[in-house]
Amino acid sequence: MSQKNIHGYIVIYKNNAHKGAEHLAYTLSFDEAFSLFQSAQNSGEAKFEDRVGRNFTLKYKTTGTFLLKKRIGW
């Protein structure tokens, strides 16, 4: 597992979700990423797709961290 501070949020992810972490950190604007983090905090998770069609789920953990997972298919 890897860990990355993205816009002030600690995100934990496996190697297969590395592209999703890069998307959150470098591709999305701060406001776009912030809305995903807020959505995950409010409802437990936020699903998103990067610009090449890879699917990810950002889950909020009670420890105040986020878990990023790669989703397969739809």
Protein backbone atom coordinates (compact mmCIF):
# COMPACT_ATOMS: atom_id res chain seq x y z
CA MET A 1 0.00 0.00 0.00
CA SER A 2 1.12 3.52 -0.77
CA GLN A 3 0.15 6.76 0.91
CA LYS A 4 -0.01 10.25 -0.58
CA ASN A 5 -1.06 13.65 0.72
CA ILE A 6 -3.42 15.06 -1.91
CA HIS A 7 -4.64 18.61 -1.31
CA GLY A 8 -4.23 18.09 2.44
CA TYR A 9 -6.02 14.72 2.53
CA ILE A 10 -4.20 11.45 3.25
CA VAL A 11 -5.03 8.91 0.52
CA ILE A 12 -4.04 5.24 0.84
CA TYR A 13 -4.02 3.10 -2.30
CA LYS A 14 -2.63 -0.05 -3.87
CA ASN A 15 -0.36 0.08 -6.92
CA ASN A 16 -3.29 -0.61 -9.28
CA ALA A 17 -4.90 2.67 -8.16
CA HIS A 18 -1.75 4.78 -8.65
CA LYS A 19 -3.20 6.45 -11.77
CA GLY A 20 -6.28 7.45 -9.78
CA ALA A 21 -4.11 9.11 -7.14
CA GLU A 22 -2.23 10.98 -9.85
CA HIS A 23 -5.54 12.05 -11.39
CA LEU A 24 -6.75 13.47 -8.06
CA ALA A 25 -3.45 15.19 -7.36
CA TYR A 26 -2.36 16.53 -10.72
CA THR A 27 -5.15 16.42 -13.32
CA LEU A 28 -8.19 17.71 -11.45
CA SER A 29 -8.38 21.26 -10.23
CA PHE A 30 -8.41 21.81 -6.48
CA ASP A 31 -12.18 22.47 -6.58
CA GLU A 32 -12.89 19.28 -8.56
CA ALA A 33 -10.80 17.14 -6.22
CA PHE A 34 -12.25 18.88 -3.16
CA SER A 35 -15.79 18.03 -4.27
CA LEU A 36 -14.83 14.34 -4.53
CA PHE A 37 -13.30 14.37 -1.04
CA GLN A 38 -16.38 16.12 0.37
CA SER A 39 -18.71 13.67 -1.35
CA ALA A 40 -16.75 10.74 0.09
CA GLN A 41 -16.87 12.27 3.57
CA ASN A 42 -20.61 12.91 3.37
CA SER A 43 -21.78 9.63 1.83
CA GLY A 44 -18.91 7.26 2.60
CA GLU A 45 -17.60 7.00 -0.94
CA ALA A 46 -17.30 8.83 -4.23
CA LYS A 47 -16.95 7.10 -7.59
CA PHE A 48 -15.09 8.78 -10.43
CA GLU A 49 -13.48 8.10 -13.77
CA ASP A 50 -10.22 9.51 -15.06
CA ARG A 51 -9.86 11.00 -18.53
CA VAL A 52 -8.92 7.69 -20.16
CA GLY A 53 -11.86 5.77 -18.69
CA ARG A 54 -10.33 4.04 -15.66
CA ASN A 55 -12.83 3.76 -12.80
CA PHE A 56 -12.00 4.47 -9.15
CA THR A 57 -13.75 4.67 -5.79
CA LEU A 58 -12.63 7.04 -3.05
CA LYS A 59 -13.79 5.81 0.37
CA TYR A 60 -13.74 7.79 3.60
CA LYS A 61 -12.40 5.95 6.63
CA THR A 62 -13.31 6.79 10.23
CA THR A 63 -9.63 7.47 10.89
CA GLY A 64 -9.91 10.61 8.75
CA THR A 65 -8.03 9.07 5.84
CA PHE A 66 -9.26 8.01 2.41
CA LEU A 67 -8.89 4.67 0.65
CA LEU A 68 -8.65 4.77 -3.14
CA LYS A 69 -9.58 1.62 -5.04
CA LYS A 70 -9.63 0.79 -8.73
CA ARG A 71 -12.96 -0.50 -10.00
CA ILE A 72 -13.25 -2.96 -12.86
CA GLY A 73 -15.92 -2.50 -15.51
CA TRP A 74 -19.00 -0.42 -14.97
